[in-house]
Amino acid sequence: MFKKNKTSLNYVDYTPSHNPKYKWDTKQADNNTTIVTIYIERNTLSDKFAQKYFKKPKVTKVDLDKFGSFVWLKINGEKTIFQIGQEIKTEYGESVEPLYERLATFIEILRKNQFITLEKPLQKQ
C-alpha cells in the first residue's frame, strides 16, 4: 500500500572531515613521500592505570602508509570521497585499483576510529 521512499545516497558522495580531537603531523620518507602520523592521547582512567602499571605510552602514534597519507592530506571537509578518488587515480594510476573499494574501506576504518567524520550530501528532490 505505502511504498518506502528510497534514498539513493552513494557513499562516494559523502564529504570527509578531520576530527579536531586528534593531532597529526607529516614527515618526509626516504623516497620523498609525505607520511602522516596521527596522535591518540590516552587519558581515560583505564589508560592511566595501564600507563602506571604496564608502562603503556600516554600517546599512541598511528603512521599511515603512502596511500593513506595521500588520502588524509586530501581530506579538507570540501572534497567528496569521489573527488579524492579521482586525485588518487591521477597520482598513482592503476596501482590503486580497485580504487573505490579500497578507498571506501579505508575511509570506513578512519570513521570507525573517529579520526574523521562524514557529511551526508544534500539530497536532490
PDB file of N, CA and C in Angstrom:
ATOM      1  N   MET A   1       0.804  -1.167   0.000  1.00  0.00           N
ATOM      2  CA  MET A   1       0.000   0.000   0.000  1.00  0.00           C
ATOM      3  C   MET A   1       0.865   1.256   0.000  1.00  0.00           C
ATOM      4  N   PHE A   2       1.685   1.395   1.051  1.00  0.00           N
ATOM      5  CA  PHE A   2       2.608   2.518   1.092  1.00  0.00           C
ATOM      6  C   PHE A   2       3.996   2.033   0.721  1.00  0.00           C
ATOM      7  N   LYS A   3       4.621   2.735  -0.161  1.00  0.00           N
ATOM      8  CA  LYS A   3       5.978   2.374  -0.544  1.00  0.00           C
ATOM      9  C   LYS A   3       6.951   3.245   0.239  1.00  0.00           C
ATOM     10  N   LYS A   4       8.037   2.621   0.653  1.00  0.00           N
ATOM     11  CA  LYS A   4       9.072   3.392   1.319  1.00  0.00           C
ATOM     12  C   LYS A   4       9.778   4.252   0.280  1.00  0.00           C
ATOM     13  N   ASN A   5      10.046   5.469   0.659  1.00  0.00           N
ATOM     14  CA  ASN A   5      10.759   6.372  -0.227  1.00  0.00           C
ATOM     15  C   ASN A   5      12.254   6.073  -0.098  1.00  0.00           C
ATOM     16  N   LYS A   6      12.788   5.368  -1.062  1.00  0.00           N
ATOM     17  CA  LYS A   6      14.197   5.013  -1.016  1.00  0.00           C
ATOM     18  C   LYS A   6      15.049   6.217  -1.394  1.00  0.00           C
ATOM     19  N   THR A   7      16.080   6.410  -0.622  1.00  0.00           N
ATOM     20  CA  THR A   7      17.044   7.442  -0.984  1.00  0.00           C
ATOM     21  C   THR A   7      18.231   6.736  -1.604  1.00  0.00           C
ATOM     22  N   SER A   8      18.778   7.329  -2.600  1.00  0.00           N
ATOM     23  CA  SER A   8      19.902   6.694  -3.276  1.00  0.00           C
ATOM     24  C   SER A   8      21.186   7.478  -2.987  1.00  0.00           C
ATOM     25  N   LEU A   9      21.578   7.470  -1.701  1.00  0.00           N
ATOM     26  CA  LEU A   9      22.828   8.108  -1.335  1.00  0.00           C
ATOM     27  C   LEU A   9      23.971   7.175  -1.694  1.00  0.00           C
ATOM     28  N   ASN A  10      24.911   7.708  -2.381  1.00  0.00           N
ATOM     29  CA  ASN A  10      26.071   6.940  -2.769  1.00  0.00           C
ATOM     30  C   ASN A  10      27.215   7.298  -1.826  1.00  0.00           C
ATOM     31  N   TYR A  11      27.917   6.293  -1.319  1.00  0.00           N
ATOM     32  CA  TYR A  11      28.986   6.504  -0.343  1.00  0.00           C
ATOM     33  C   TYR A  11      30.036   7.484  -0.857  1.00  0.00           C
ATOM     34  N   VAL A  12      30.337   7.453  -2.140  1.00  0.00           N
ATOM     35  CA  VAL A  12      31.383   8.329  -2.680  1.00  0.00           C
ATOM     36  C   VAL A  12      30.946   9.789  -2.743  1.00  0.00           C
ATOM     37  N   ASP A  13      29.674  10.064  -2.502  1.00  0.00           N
ATOM     38  CA  ASP A  13      29.196  11.443  -2.483  1.00  0.00           C
ATOM     39  C   ASP A  13      29.357  12.111  -1.116  1.00  0.00           C
ATOM     40  N   TYR A  14      29.744  11.328  -0.093  1.00  0.00           N
ATOM     41  CA  TYR A  14      29.949  11.883   1.239  1.00  0.00           C
ATOM     42  C   TYR A  14      31.232  12.714   1.278  1.00  0.00           C
ATOM     43  N   THR A  15      31.272  13.674   2.203  1.00  0.00           N
ATOM     44  CA  THR A  15      32.426  14.553   2.356  1.00  0.00           C
ATOM     45  C   THR A  15      33.080  14.288   3.713  1.00  0.00           C
ATOM     46  N   PRO A  16      34.321  13.800   3.715  1.00  0.00           N
ATOM     47  CA  PRO A  16      35.005  13.551   4.984  1.00  0.00           C
ATOM     48  C   PRO A  16      35.691  14.807   5.527  1.00  0.00           C
ATOM     49  N   SER A  17      35.766  14.883   6.847  1.00  0.00           N
ATOM     50  CA  SER A  17      36.470  15.964   7.539  1.00  0.00           C
ATOM     51  C   SER A  17      37.291  15.360   8.675  1.00  0.00           C
ATOM     52  N   HIS A  18      38.438  15.959   8.961  1.00  0.00           N
ATOM     53  CA  HIS A  18      39.255  15.511  10.089  1.00  0.00           C
ATOM     54  C   HIS A  18      38.537  15.802  11.401  1.00  0.00           C
ATOM     55  N   ASN A  19      38.702  14.906  12.367  1.00  0.00           N
ATOM     56  CA  ASN A  19      38.188  15.136  13.711  1.00  0.00           C
ATOM     57  C   ASN A  19      39.212  16.003  14.440  1.00  0.00           C
ATOM     58  N   PRO A  20      38.838  17.207  14.886  1.00  0.00           N
ATOM     59  CA  PRO A  20      39.801  18.097  15.536  1.00  0.00           C
ATOM     60  C   PRO A  20      40.333  17.562  16.867  1.00  0.00           C
ATOM     61  N   LYS A  21      39.738  16.504  17.377  1.00  0.00           N
ATOM     62  CA  LYS A  21      40.188  15.887  18.628  1.00  0.00           C
ATOM     63  C   LYS A  21      41.598  15.307  18.479  1.00  0.00           C
ATOM     64  N   TYR A  22      41.952  14.908  17.272  1.00  0.00           N
ATOM     65  CA  TYR A  22      43.238  14.240  17.041  1.00  0.00           C
ATOM     66  C   TYR A  22      44.238  15.178  16.385  1.00  0.00           C
ATOM     67  N   LYS A  23      45.419  15.207  16.960  1.00  0.00           N
ATOM     68  CA  LYS A  23      46.515  15.967  16.360  1.00  0.00           C
ATOM     69  C   LYS A  23      47.218  15.061  15.361  1.00  0.00           C
ATOM     70  N   TRP A  24      47.829  15.675  14.368  1.00  0.00           N
ATOM     71  CA  TRP A  24      48.573  14.913  13.373  1.00  0.00           C
ATOM     72  C   TRP A  24      49.649  15.804  12.780  1.00  0.00           C
ATOM     73  N   ASP A  25      50.667  15.153  12.211  1.00  0.00           N
ATOM     74  CA  ASP A  25      51.694  15.899  11.504  1.00  0.00           C
ATOM     75  C   ASP A  25      52.235  15.061  10.359  1.00  0.00           C
ATOM     76  N   THR A  26      53.135  15.657   9.599  1.00  0.00           N
ATOM     77  CA  THR A  26      53.696  14.989   8.431  1.00  0.00           C
ATOM     78  C   THR A  26      55.216  14.939   8.542  1.00  0.00           C
ATOM     79  N   LYS A  27      55.788  13.972   7.837  1.00  0.00           N
ATOM     80  CA  LYS A  27      57.240  13.880   7.709  1.00  0.00           C
ATOM     81  C   LYS A  27      57.554  13.334   6.324  1.00  0.00           C
ATOM     82  N   GLN A  28      58.745  13.604   5.861  1.00  0.00           N
ATOM     83  CA  GLN A  28      59.163  13.118   4.554  1.00  0.00           C
ATOM     84  C   GLN A  28      59.848  11.754   4.711  1.00  0.00           C
ATOM     85  N   ALA A  29      59.411  10.784   3.943  1.00  0.00           N
ATOM     86  CA  ALA A  29      60.034   9.461   3.947  1.00  0.00           C
ATOM     87  C   ALA A  29      61.244   9.480   3.011  1.00  0.00           C
ATOM     88  N   ASP A  30      61.967   8.389   2.989  1.00  0.00           N
ATOM     89  CA  ASP A  30      63.183   8.287   2.180  1.00  0.00           C
ATOM     90  C   ASP A  30      62.931   8.533   0.693  1.00  0.00           C
ATOM     91  N   ASN A  31      61.796   8.074   0.189  1.00  0.00           N
ATOM     92  CA  ASN A  31      61.509   8.194  -1.238  1.00  0.00           C
ATOM     93  C   ASN A  31      60.750   9.473  -1.576  1.00  0.00           C
ATOM     94  N   ASN A  32      60.911  10.499  -0.740  1.00  0.00           N
ATOM     95  CA  ASN A  32      60.290  11.807  -0.946  1.00  0.00           C
ATOM     96  C   ASN A  32      58.757  11.747  -0.898  1.00  0.00           C
ATOM     97  N   THR A  33      58.236  10.761  -0.155  1.00  0.00           N
ATOM     98  CA  THR A  33      56.805  10.620   0.053  1.00  0.00           C
ATOM     99  C   THR A  33      56.455  11.247   1.406  1.00  0.00           C
ATOM    100  N   THR A  34      55.347  11.937   1.465  1.00  0.00           N
ATOM    101  CA  THR A  34      54.888  12.515   2.724  1.00  0.00           C
ATOM    102  C   THR A  34      54.100  11.467   3.496  1.00  0.00           C
ATOM    103  N   ILE A  35      54.486  11.260   4.753  1.00  0.00           N
ATOM    104  CA  ILE A  35      53.827  10.297   5.623  1.00  0.00           C
ATOM    105  C   ILE A  35      53.141  11.053   6.750  1.00  0.00           C
ATOM    106  N   VAL A  36      51.890  10.691   7.030  1.00  0.00           N
ATOM    107  CA  VAL A  36      51.098  11.319   8.087  1.00  0.00           C
ATOM    108  C   VAL A  36      51.143  10.449   9.335  1.00  0.00           C
ATOM    109  N   THR A  37      51.332  11.088  10.479  1.00  0.00           N
ATOM    110  CA  THR A  37      51.249  10.423  11.775  1.00  0.00           C
ATOM    111  C   THR A  37      50.101  11.059  12.552  1.00  0.00           C
ATOM    112  N   ILE A  38      49.177  10.211  13.039  1.00  0.00           N
ATOM    113  CA  ILE A  38      48.051  10.659  13.854  1.00  0.00           C
ATOM    114  C   ILE A  38      48.370  10.298  15.301  1.00  0.00           C
ATOM    115  N   TYR A  39      48.129  11.232  16.217  1.00  0.00           N
ATOM    116  CA  TYR A  39      48.428  11.027  17.636  1.00  0.00           C
ATOM    117  C   TYR A  39      47.137  10.828  18.419  1.00  0.00           C
ATOM    118  N   ILE A  40      47.102   9.731  19.200  1.00  0.00           N
ATOM    119  CA  ILE A  40      45.942   9.416  20.022  1.00  0.00           C
ATOM    120  C   ILE A  40      46.361   9.576  21.478  1.00  0.00           C
ATOM    121  N   GLU A  41      45.802  10.586  22.148  1.00  0.00           N
ATOM    122  CA  GLU A  41      46.112  10.803  23.561  1.00  0.00           C
ATOM    123  C   GLU A  41      45.307   9.819  24.402  1.00  0.00           C
ATOM    124  N   ARG A  42      46.007   9.134  25.279  1.00  0.00           N
ATOM    125  CA  ARG A  42      45.376   8.139  26.155  1.00  0.00           C
ATOM    126  C   ARG A  42      45.238   8.754  27.544  1.00  0.00           C
ATOM    127  N   ASN A  43      44.022   9.214  27.899  1.00  0.00           N
ATOM    128  CA  ASN A  43      43.869   9.896  29.173  1.00  0.00           C
ATOM    129  C   ASN A  43      42.627   9.488  29.965  1.00  0.00           C
ATOM    130  N   THR A  44      42.073   8.308  29.667  1.00  0.00           N
ATOM    131  CA  THR A  44      40.959   7.817  30.480  1.00  0.00           C
ATOM    132  C   THR A  44      41.523   7.170  31.742  1.00  0.00           C
ATOM    133  N   LEU A  45      40.667   6.837  32.665  1.00  0.00           N
ATOM    134  CA  LEU A  45      41.087   6.215  33.911  1.00  0.00           C
ATOM    135  C   LEU A  45      41.790   4.877  33.650  1.00  0.00           C
ATOM    136  N   SER A  46      41.206   4.083  32.750  1.00  0.00           N
ATOM    137  CA  SER A  46      41.849   2.790  32.440  1.00  0.00           C
ATOM    138  C   SER A  46      43.179   2.991  31.729  1.00  0.00           C
ATOM    139  N   ASP A  47      43.291   4.028  30.903  1.00  0.00           N
ATOM    140  CA  ASP A  47      44.569   4.328  30.248  1.00  0.00           C
ATOM    141  C   ASP A  47      45.626   4.698  31.283  1.00  0.00           C
ATOM    142  N   LYS A  48      45.249   5.515  32.256  1.00  0.00           N
ATOM    143  CA  LYS A  48      46.192   5.927  33.292  1.00  0.00           C
ATOM    144  C   LYS A  48      46.647   4.735  34.121  1.00  0.00           C
ATOM    145  N   PHE A  49      45.743   3.822  34.380  1.00  0.00           N
ATOM    146  CA  PHE A  49      46.103   2.597  35.097  1.00  0.00           C
ATOM    147  C   PHE A  49      47.122   1.796  34.293  1.00  0.00           C
ATOM    148  N   ALA A  50      46.843   1.622  33.001  1.00  0.00           N
ATOM    149  CA  ALA A  50      47.753   0.866  32.136  1.00  0.00           C
ATOM    150  C   ALA A  50      49.104   1.568  32.006  1.00  0.00           C
ATOM    151  N   GLN A  51      49.100   2.895  31.980  1.00  0.00           N
ATOM    152  CA  GLN A  51      50.355   3.637  31.895  1.00  0.00           C
ATOM    153  C   GLN A  51      51.199   3.434  33.148  1.00  0.00           C
ATOM    154  N   LYS A  52      50.538   3.418  34.287  1.00  0.00           N
ATOM    155  CA  LYS A  52      51.269   3.298  35.547  1.00  0.00           C
ATOM    156  C   LYS A  52      51.783   1.879  35.780  1.00  0.00           C
ATOM    157  N   TYR A  53      50.931   0.886  35.552  1.00  0.00           N
ATOM    158  CA  TYR A  53      51.293  -0.477  35.917  1.00  0.00           C
ATOM    159  C   TYR A  53      51.840  -1.318  34.768  1.00  0.00           C
ATOM    160  N   PHE A  54      51.543  -0.960  33.548  1.00  0.00           N
ATOM    161  CA  PHE A  54      52.005  -1.744  32.411  1.00  0.00           C
ATOM    162  C   PHE A  54      52.903  -0.952  31.471  1.00  0.00           C
ATOM    163  N   LYS A  55      53.277   0.251  31.892  1.00  0.00           N
ATOM    164  CA  LYS A  55      54.198   1.116  31.138  1.00  0.00           C
ATOM    165  C   LYS A  55      53.712   1.399  29.721  1.00  0.00           C
ATOM    166  N   LYS A  56      52.417   1.605  29.585  1.00  0.00           N
ATOM    167  CA  LYS A  56      51.843   1.962  28.283  1.00  0.00           C
ATOM    168  C   LYS A  56      52.089   3.448  28.009  1.00  0.00           C
ATOM    169  N   PRO A  57      52.241   3.832  26.744  1.00  0.00           N
ATOM    170  CA  PRO A  57      52.518   5.247  26.436  1.00  0.00           C
ATOM    171  C   PRO A  57      51.296   6.136  26.637  1.00  0.00           C
ATOM    172  N   LYS A  58      51.541   7.417  26.917  1.00  0.00           N
ATOM    173  CA  LYS A  58      50.453   8.389  27.070  1.00  0.00           C
ATOM    174  C   LYS A  58      49.870   8.775  25.715  1.00  0.00           C
ATOM    175  N   VAL A  59      50.681   8.656  24.683  1.00  0.00           N
ATOM    176  CA  VAL A  59      50.239   8.999  23.336  1.00  0.00           C
ATOM    177  C   VAL A  59      50.590   7.838  22.407  1.00  0.00           C
ATOM    178  N   THR A  60      49.613   7.393  21.646  1.00  0.00           N
ATOM    179  CA  THR A  60      49.839   6.354  20.643  1.00  0.00           C
ATOM    180  C   THR A  60      49.960   7.025  19.291  1.00  0.00           C
ATOM    181  N   LYS A  61      50.940   6.581  18.520  1.00  0.00           N
ATOM    182  CA  LYS A  61      51.156   7.137  17.186  1.00  0.00           C
ATOM    183  C   LYS A  61      50.668   6.140  16.139  1.00  0.00           C
ATOM    184  N   VAL A  62      49.931   6.647  15.171  1.00  0.00           N
ATOM    185  CA  VAL A  62      49.473   5.831  14.049  1.00  0.00           C
ATOM    186  C   VAL A  62      50.093   6.416  12.784  1.00  0.00           C
ATOM    187  N   ASP A  63      51.011   5.671  12.161  1.00  0.00           N
ATOM    188  CA  ASP A  63      51.636   6.101  10.908  1.00  0.00           C
ATOM    189  C   ASP A  63      50.849   5.520   9.740  1.00  0.00           C
ATOM    190  N   LEU A  64      50.405   6.383   8.852  1.00  0.00           N
ATOM    191  CA  LEU A  64      49.700   5.935   7.653  1.00  0.00           C
ATOM    192  C   LEU A  64      50.710   5.611   6.560  1.00  0.00           C
ATOM    193  N   ASP A  65      50.353   4.694   5.656  1.00  0.00           N
ATOM    194  CA  ASP A  65      51.230   4.408   4.525  1.00  0.00           C
ATOM    195  C   ASP A  65      51.106   5.527   3.489  1.00  0.00           C
ATOM    196  N   LYS A  66      51.789   5.389   2.370  1.00  0.00           N
ATOM    197  CA  LYS A  66      51.804   6.493   1.398  1.00  0.00           C
ATOM    198  C   LYS A  66      50.424   6.765   0.805  1.00  0.00           C
ATOM    199  N   PHE A  67      49.635   5.726   0.561  1.00  0.00           N
ATOM    200  CA  PHE A  67      48.295   5.935   0.016  1.00  0.00           C
ATOM    201  C   PHE A  67      47.372   6.552   1.070  1.00  0.00           C
ATOM    202  N   GLY A  68      47.436   6.028   2.300  1.00  0.00           N
ATOM    203  CA  GLY A  68      46.625   6.575   3.384  1.00  0.00           C
ATOM    204  C   GLY A  68      46.989   8.013   3.680  1.00  0.00           C
ATOM    205  N   SER A  69      48.277   8.313   3.640  1.00  0.00           N
ATOM    206  CA  SER A  69      48.723   9.685   3.875  1.00  0.00           C
ATOM    207  C   SER A  69      48.233  10.609   2.779  1.00  0.00           C
ATOM    208  N   PHE A  70      48.273  10.138   1.533  1.00  0.00           N
ATOM    209  CA  PHE A  70      47.783  10.938   0.413  1.00  0.00           C
ATOM    210  C   PHE A  70      46.310  11.276   0.610  1.00  0.00           C
ATOM    211  N   VAL A  71      45.520  10.255   0.984  1.00  0.00           N
ATOM    212  CA  VAL A  71      44.088  10.459   1.214  1.00  0.00           C
ATOM    213  C   VAL A  71      43.888  11.432   2.370  1.00  0.00           C
ATOM    214  N   TRP A  72      44.599  11.231   3.471  1.00  0.00           N
ATOM    215  CA  TRP A  72      44.449  12.085   4.650  1.00  0.00           C
ATOM    216  C   TRP A  72      44.700  13.550   4.302  1.00  0.00           C
ATOM    217  N   LEU A  73      45.730  13.791   3.520  1.00  0.00           N
ATOM    218  CA  LEU A  73      46.072  15.165   3.156  1.00  0.00           C
ATOM    219  C   LEU A  73      45.056  15.791   2.197  1.00  0.00           C
ATOM    220  N   LYS A  74      44.295  14.968   1.487  1.00  0.00           N
ATOM    221  CA  LYS A  74      43.255  15.483   0.583  1.00  0.00           C
ATOM    222  C   LYS A  74      41.939  15.759   1.298  1.00  0.00           C
ATOM    223  N   ILE A  75      41.768  15.178   2.495  1.00  0.00           N
ATOM    224  CA  ILE A  75      40.538  15.405   3.261  1.00  0.00           C
ATOM    225  C   ILE A  75      40.562  16.834   3.798  1.00  0.00           C
ATOM    226  N   ASN A  76      39.558  17.624   3.387  1.00  0.00           N
ATOM    227  CA  ASN A  76      39.528  19.023   3.816  1.00  0.00           C
ATOM    228  C   ASN A  76      38.121  19.509   4.171  1.00  0.00           C
ATOM    229  N   GLY A  77      37.159  18.598   4.209  1.00  0.00           N
ATOM    230  CA  GLY A  77      35.799  18.996   4.529  1.00  0.00           C
ATOM    231  C   GLY A  77      35.026  19.552   3.350  1.00  0.00           C
ATOM    232  N   GLU A  78      35.664  19.615   2.192  1.00  0.00           N
ATOM    233  CA  GLU A  78      35.000  20.136   0.995  1.00  0.00           C
ATOM    234  C   GLU A  78      34.964  19.112  -0.138  1.00  0.00           C
ATOM    235  N   LYS A  79      35.991  18.301  -0.254  1.00  0.00           N
ATOM    236  CA  LYS A  79      36.059  17.305  -1.330  1.00  0.00           C
ATOM    237  C   LYS A  79      35.271  16.065  -0.938  1.00  0.00           C
ATOM    238  N   THR A  80      34.572  15.507  -1.904  1.00  0.00           N
ATOM    239  CA  THR A  80      33.853  14.257  -1.682  1.00  0.00           C
ATOM    240  C   THR A  80      34.835  13.097  -1.804  1.00  0.00           C
ATOM    241  N   ILE A  81      34.385  11.930  -1.371  1.00  0.00           N
ATOM    242  CA  ILE A  81      35.202  10.733  -1.498  1.00  0.00           C
ATOM    243  C   ILE A  81      35.484  10.468  -2.979  1.00  0.00           C
ATOM    244  N   PHE A  82      34.514  10.723  -3.838  1.00  0.00           N
ATOM    245  CA  PHE A  82      34.712  10.546  -5.278  1.00  0.00           C
ATOM    246  C   PHE A  82      35.840  11.446  -5.792  1.00  0.00           C
ATOM    247  N   GLN A  83      35.825  12.723  -5.396  1.00  0.00           N
ATOM    248  CA  GLN A  83      36.858  13.656  -5.848  1.00  0.00           C
ATOM    249  C   GLN A  83      38.247  13.243  -5.349  1.00  0.00           C
ATOM    250  N   ILE A  84      38.316  12.783  -4.105  1.00  0.00           N
ATOM    251  CA  ILE A  84      39.589  12.304  -3.570  1.00  0.00           C
ATOM    252  C   ILE A  84      40.068  11.100  -4.366  1.00  0.00           C
ATOM    253  N   GLY A  85      39.135  10.226  -4.707  1.00  0.00           N
ATOM    254  CA  GLY A  85      39.481   9.055  -5.521  1.00  0.00           C
ATOM    255  C   GLY A  85      40.049   9.439  -6.872  1.00  0.00           C
ATOM    256  N   GLN A  86      39.475  10.453  -7.492  1.00  0.00           N
ATOM    257  CA  GLN A  86      39.987  10.911  -8.786  1.00  0.00           C
ATOM    258  C   GLN A  86      41.419  11.429  -8.656  1.00  0.00           C
ATOM    259  N   GLU A  87      41.710  12.127  -7.561  1.00  0.00           N
ATOM    260  CA  GLU A  87      43.061  12.635  -7.350  1.00  0.00           C
ATOM    261  C   GLU A  87      44.054  11.498  -7.106  1.00  0.00           C
ATOM    262  N   ILE A  88      43.616  10.458  -6.395  1.00  0.00           N
ATOM    263  CA  ILE A  88      44.485   9.288  -6.180  1.00  0.00           C
ATOM    264  C   ILE A  88      44.789   8.622  -7.515  1.00  0.00           C
ATOM    265  N   LYS A  89      43.757   8.451  -8.331  1.00  0.00           N
ATOM    266  CA  LYS A  89      43.936   7.800  -9.630  1.00  0.00           C
ATOM    267  C   LYS A  89      44.894   8.600 -10.505  1.00  0.00           C
ATOM    268  N   THR A  90      44.780   9.925 -10.479  1.00  0.00           N
ATOM    269  CA  THR A  90      45.680  10.777 -11.255  1.00  0.00           C
ATOM    270  C   THR A  90      47.118  10.616 -10.770  1.00  0.00           C
ATOM    271  N   GLU A  91      47.303  10.544  -9.454  1.00  0.00           N
ATOM    272  CA  GLU A  91      48.653  10.467  -8.868  1.00  0.00           C
ATOM    273  C   GLU A  91      49.286   9.087  -9.024  1.00  0.00           C
ATOM    274  N   TYR A  92      48.507   8.011  -8.792  1.00  0.00           N
ATOM    275  CA  TYR A  92      49.079   6.660  -8.711  1.00  0.00           C
ATOM    276  C   TYR A  92      48.654   5.714  -9.822  1.00  0.00           C
ATOM    277  N   GLY A  93      47.699   6.102 -10.644  1.00  0.00           N
ATOM    278  CA  GLY A  93      47.298   5.280 -11.781  1.00  0.00           C
ATOM    279  C   GLY A  93      46.678   3.950 -11.387  1.00  0.00           C
ATOM    280  N   GLU A  94      47.028   2.930 -12.148  1.00  0.00           N
ATOM    281  CA  GLU A  94      46.428   1.599 -11.981  1.00  0.00           C
ATOM    282  C   GLU A  94      46.879   0.889 -10.703  1.00  0.00           C
ATOM    283  N   SER A  95      47.924   1.365 -10.044  1.00  0.00           N
ATOM    284  CA  SER A  95      48.433   0.676  -8.856  1.00  0.00           C
ATOM    285  C   SER A  95      47.461   0.735  -7.674  1.00  0.00           C
ATOM    286  N   VAL A  96      46.439   1.576  -7.747  1.00  0.00           N
ATOM    287  CA  VAL A  96      45.478   1.691  -6.651  1.00  0.00           C
ATOM    288  C   VAL A  96      44.166   0.958  -6.918  1.00  0.00           C
ATOM    289  N   GLU A  97      44.094   0.237  -8.020  1.00  0.00           N
ATOM    290  CA  GLU A  97      42.860  -0.487  -8.341  1.00  0.00           C
ATOM    291  C   GLU A  97      42.736  -1.733  -7.472  1.00  0.00           C
ATOM    292  N   PRO A  98      41.541  -2.118  -7.072  1.00  0.00           N
ATOM    293  CA  PRO A  98      40.245  -1.490  -7.291  1.00  0.00           C
ATOM    294  C   PRO A  98      40.085  -0.269  -6.378  1.00  0.00           C
ATOM    295  N   LEU A  99      40.106   0.877  -6.977  1.00  0.00           N
ATOM    296  CA  LEU A  99      40.218   2.147  -6.272  1.00  0.00           C
ATOM    297  C   LEU A  99      39.110   2.403  -5.260  1.00  0.00           C
ATOM    298  N   TYR A 100      37.874   2.419  -5.685  1.00  0.00           N
ATOM    299  CA  TYR A 100      36.805   2.859  -4.786  1.00  0.00           C
ATOM    300  C   TYR A 100      36.481   1.842  -3.701  1.00  0.00           C
ATOM    301  N   GLU A 101      36.702   0.563  -3.960  1.00  0.00           N
ATOM    302  CA  GLU A 101      36.529  -0.431  -2.910  1.00  0.00           C
ATOM    303  C   GLU A 101      37.574  -0.223  -1.822  1.00  0.00           C
ATOM    304  N   ARG A 102      38.816  -0.011  -2.224  1.00  0.00           N
ATOM    305  CA  ARG A 102      39.892   0.214  -1.264  1.00  0.00           C
ATOM    306  C   ARG A 102      39.695   1.530  -0.526  1.00  0.00           C
ATOM    307  N   LEU A 103      39.321   2.578  -1.250  1.00  0.00           N
ATOM    308  CA  LEU A 103      39.131   3.892  -0.646  1.00  0.00           C
ATOM    309  C   LEU A 103      37.974   3.858   0.355  1.00  0.00           C
ATOM    310  N   ALA A 104      36.871   3.227  -0.004  1.00  0.00           N
ATOM    311  CA  ALA A 104      35.719   3.138   0.903  1.00  0.00           C
ATOM    312  C   ALA A 104      36.088   2.372   2.169  1.00  0.00           C
ATOM    313  N   THR A 105      36.857   1.310   2.038  1.00  0.00           N
ATOM    314  CA  THR A 105      37.293   0.541   3.199  1.00  0.00           C
ATOM    315  C   THR A 105      38.171   1.393   4.112  1.00  0.00           C
ATOM    316  N   PHE A 106      39.103   2.125   3.518  1.00  0.00           N
ATOM    317  CA  PHE A 106      39.997   2.977   4.300  1.00  0.00           C
ATOM    318  C   PHE A 106      39.219   4.095   4.997  1.00  0.00           C
ATOM    319  N   ILE A 107      38.323   4.742   4.276  1.00  0.00           N
ATOM    320  CA  ILE A 107      37.513   5.814   4.856  1.00  0.00           C
ATOM    321  C   ILE A 107      36.677   5.270   6.012  1.00  0.00           C
ATOM    322  N   GLU A 108      36.136   4.081   5.853  1.00  0.00           N
ATOM    323  CA  GLU A 108      35.317   3.483   6.909  1.00  0.00           C
ATOM    324  C   GLU A 108      36.165   3.166   8.149  1.00  0.00           C
ATOM    325  N   ILE A 109      37.391   2.721   7.960  1.00  0.00           N
ATOM    326  CA  ILE A 109      38.301   2.478   9.094  1.00  0.00           C
ATOM    327  C   ILE A 109      38.577   3.787   9.826  1.00  0.00           C
ATOM    328  N   LEU A 110      38.849   4.858   9.069  1.00  0.00           N
ATOM    329  CA  LEU A 110      39.080   6.165   9.687  1.00  0.00           C
ATOM    330  C   LEU A 110      37.845   6.625  10.459  1.00  0.00           C
ATOM    331  N   ARG A 111      36.671   6.410   9.873  1.00  0.00           N
ATOM    332  CA  ARG A 111      35.427   6.832  10.524  1.00  0.00           C
ATOM    333  C   ARG A 111      35.169   6.032  11.800  1.00  0.00           C
ATOM    334  N   LYS A 112      35.343   4.725  11.746  1.00  0.00           N
ATOM    335  CA  LYS A 112      35.097   3.878  12.920  1.00  0.00           C
ATOM    336  C   LYS A 112      36.051   4.212  14.065  1.00  0.00           C
ATOM    337  N   ASN A 113      37.260   4.637  13.741  1.00  0.00           N
ATOM    338  CA  ASN A 113      38.229   5.030  14.763  1.00  0.00           C
ATOM    339  C   ASN A 113      38.070   6.500  15.153  1.00  0.00           C
ATOM    340  N   GLN A 114      37.073   7.155  14.597  1.00  0.00           N
ATOM    341  CA  GLN A 114      36.713   8.541  14.887  1.00  0.00           C
ATOM    342  C   GLN A 114      37.806   9.538  14.503  1.00  0.00           C
ATOM    343  N   PHE A 115      38.652   9.176  13.553  1.00  0.00           N
ATOM    344  CA  PHE A 115      39.660  10.105  13.043  1.00  0.00           C
ATOM    345  C   PHE A 115      39.025  11.122  12.099  1.00  0.00           C
ATOM    346  N   ILE A 116      37.906  10.727  11.478  1.00  0.00           N
ATOM    347  CA  ILE A 116      37.189  11.612  10.565  1.00  0.00           C
ATOM    348  C   ILE A 116      35.694  11.524  10.838  1.00  0.00           C
ATOM    349  N   THR A 117      34.970  12.492  10.293  1.00  0.00           N
ATOM    350  CA  THR A 117      33.519  12.437  10.269  1.00  0.00           C
ATOM    351  C   THR A 117      33.098  12.523   8.804  1.00  0.00           C
ATOM    352  N   LEU A 118      31.914  12.014   8.526  1.00  0.00           N
ATOM    353  CA  LEU A 118      31.390  12.055   7.152  1.00  0.00           C
ATOM    354  C   LEU A 118      30.139  12.917   7.126  1.00  0.00           C
ATOM    355  N   GLU A 119      30.115  13.834   6.201  1.00  0.00           N
ATOM    356  CA  GLU A 119      28.959  14.714   5.997  1.00  0.00           C
ATOM    357  C   GLU A 119      28.141  14.138   4.840  1.00  0.00           C
ATOM    358  N   LYS A 120      26.853  13.936   5.089  1.00  0.00           N
ATOM    359  CA  LYS A 120      25.971  13.436   4.032  1.00  0.00           C
ATOM    360  C   LYS A 120      25.817  14.488   2.941  1.00  0.00           C
ATOM    361  N   PRO A 121      25.693  14.039   1.706  1.00  0.00           N
ATOM    362  CA  PRO A 121      25.440  15.000   0.627  1.00  0.00           C
ATOM    363  C   PRO A 121      24.025  15.543   0.722  1.00  0.00           C
ATOM    364  N   LEU A 122      23.838  16.696   0.169  1.00  0.00           N
ATOM    365  CA  LEU A 122      22.483  17.239   0.092  1.00  0.00           C
ATOM    366  C   LEU A 122      21.672  16.395  -0.867  1.00  0.00           C
ATOM    367  N   GLN A 123      20.477  16.040  -0.447  1.00  0.00           N
ATOM    368  CA  GLN A 123      19.627  15.216  -1.296  1.00  0.00           C
ATOM    369  C   GLN A 123      18.866  16.078  -2.277  1.00  0.00           C
ATOM    370  N   LYS A 124      18.835  15.616  -3.511  1.00  0.00           N
ATOM    371  CA  LYS A 124      18.064  16.299  -4.542  1.00  0.00           C
ATOM    372  C   LYS A 124      16.639  15.813  -4.460  1.00  0.00           C
ATOM    373  N   GLN A 125      15.716  16.707  -4.644  1.00  0.00           N
ATOM    374  CA  GLN A 125      14.299  16.311  -4.545  1.00  0.00           C
ATOM    375  C   GLN A 125      13.656  16.274  -5.893  1.00  0.00           C
TER     376      GLN A 125
END
